[in-house]
Amino acid sequence: MLIVFAIAVLVLGVLVYASTKPDRFHVERSVRISAPPDAIFPLINDLHRWDAWTTRVDA
């Protein structure tokens, strides 16, 4: 019975803590590229060439 009570208190504590956090958050990434826009635009404009430069990681 004590274990069930401890788990209930723990869950309640997590819920109270979560309710104090903001409803929304924002994630943003940026990178500085040392190349002129004329050299970069053809790469990002063509969807078939995105694998050549994207930082996406396949799991």
C-alpha atoms as a PDB file:
ATOM      1  CA  MET A   1       0.000   0.000   0.000  1.00  0.00           C
ATOM      2  CA  LEU A   2       2.878   2.351   0.782  1.00  0.00           C
ATOM      3  CA  ILE A   3       4.372   1.825  -2.699  1.00  0.00           C
ATOM      4  CA  VAL A   4       1.089   2.752  -4.392  1.00  0.00           C
ATOM      5  CA  PHE A   5       0.853   5.905  -2.270  1.00  0.00           C
ATOM      6  CA  ALA A   6       4.462   6.851  -3.077  1.00  0.00           C
ATOM      7  CA  ILE A   7       3.871   6.382  -6.819  1.00  0.00           C
ATOM      8  CA  ALA A   8       0.667   8.457  -6.627  1.00  0.00           C
ATOM      9  CA  VAL A   9       2.515  11.273  -4.826  1.00  0.00           C
ATOM     10  CA  LEU A  10       5.333  11.116  -7.385  1.00  0.00           C
ATOM     11  CA  VAL A  11       2.902  11.297 -10.323  1.00  0.00           C
ATOM     12  CA  LEU A  12       1.033  14.159  -8.670  1.00  0.00           C
ATOM     13  CA  GLY A  13       4.317  15.996  -8.109  1.00  0.00           C
ATOM     14  CA  VAL A  14       5.314  15.604 -11.760  1.00  0.00           C
ATOM     15  CA  LEU A  15       1.901  16.858 -12.893  1.00  0.00           C
ATOM     16  CA  VAL A  16       2.066  19.901 -10.620  1.00  0.00           C
ATOM     17  CA  TYR A  17       5.598  20.668 -11.847  1.00  0.00           C
ATOM     18  CA  ALA A  18       4.529  20.283 -15.497  1.00  0.00           C
ATOM     19  CA  SER A  19       1.573  22.622 -14.971  1.00  0.00           C
ATOM     20  CA  THR A  20       3.953  25.439 -14.032  1.00  0.00           C
ATOM     21  CA  LYS A  21       5.783  25.241 -17.374  1.00  0.00           C
ATOM     22  CA  PRO A  22       4.791  27.306 -20.451  1.00  0.00           C
ATOM     23  CA  ASP A  23       2.314  25.792 -22.900  1.00  0.00           C
ATOM     24  CA  ARG A  24       4.535  26.535 -25.900  1.00  0.00           C
ATOM     25  CA  PHE A  25       8.208  26.542 -26.713  1.00  0.00           C
ATOM     26  CA  HIS A  26      10.281  27.517 -29.728  1.00  0.00           C
ATOM     27  CA  VAL A  27      13.319  25.744 -31.144  1.00  0.00           C
ATOM     28  CA  GLU A  28      15.486  27.462 -33.719  1.00  0.00           C
ATOM     29  CA  ARG A  29      18.743  26.507 -35.422  1.00  0.00           C
ATOM     30  CA  SER A  30      20.992  28.647 -37.544  1.00  0.00           C
ATOM     31  CA  VAL A  31      24.275  28.272 -39.344  1.00  0.00           C
ATOM     32  CA  ARG A  32      26.618  30.732 -40.998  1.00  0.00           C
ATOM     33  CA  ILE A  33      27.718  29.676 -44.482  1.00  0.00           C
ATOM     34  CA  SER A  34      30.865  31.214 -45.919  1.00  0.00           C
ATOM     35  CA  ALA A  35      29.716  31.233 -49.532  1.00  0.00           C
ATOM     36  CA  PRO A  36      27.910  33.697 -51.765  1.00  0.00           C
ATOM     37  CA  PRO A  37      24.140  33.287 -52.136  1.00  0.00           C
ATOM     38  CA  ASP A  38      24.543  32.487 -55.857  1.00  0.00           C
ATOM     39  CA  ALA A  39      26.500  29.333 -54.917  1.00  0.00           C
ATOM     40  CA  ILE A  40      24.056  28.184 -52.212  1.00  0.00           C
ATOM     41  CA  PHE A  41      20.663  28.883 -53.791  1.00  0.00           C
ATOM     42  CA  PRO A  42      20.828  26.170 -56.491  1.00  0.00           C
ATOM     43  CA  LEU A  43      21.509  23.565 -53.795  1.00  0.00           C
ATOM     44  CA  ILE A  44      18.600  24.477 -51.524  1.00  0.00           C
ATOM     45  CA  ASN A  45      16.217  25.268 -54.353  1.00  0.00           C
ATOM     46  CA  ASP A  46      16.320  21.734 -55.834  1.00  0.00           C
ATOM     47  CA  LEU A  47      14.638  19.166 -53.543  1.00  0.00           C
ATOM     48  CA  HIS A  48      16.507  16.303 -55.207  1.00  0.00           C
ATOM     49  CA  ARG A  49      19.855  17.790 -54.067  1.00  0.00           C
ATOM     50  CA  TRP A  50      18.937  18.283 -50.390  1.00  0.00           C
ATOM     51  CA  ASP A  51      20.715  15.072 -49.343  1.00  0.00           C
ATOM     52  CA  ALA A  52      23.988  16.645 -50.477  1.00  0.00           C
ATOM     53  CA  TRP A  53      23.890  19.320 -47.772  1.00  0.00           C
ATOM     54  CA  THR A  54      21.238  18.553 -45.146  1.00  0.00           C
ATOM     55  CA  THR A  55      22.186  17.758 -41.535  1.00  0.00           C
ATOM     56  CA  ARG A  56      19.304  15.312 -41.112  1.00  0.00           C
ATOM     57  CA  VAL A  57      20.284  12.095 -39.345  1.00  0.00           C
ATOM     58  CA  ASP A  58      18.478   8.890 -40.232  1.00  0.00           C
ATOM     59  CA  ALA A  59      17.905   6.600 -37.268  1.00  0.00           C
END
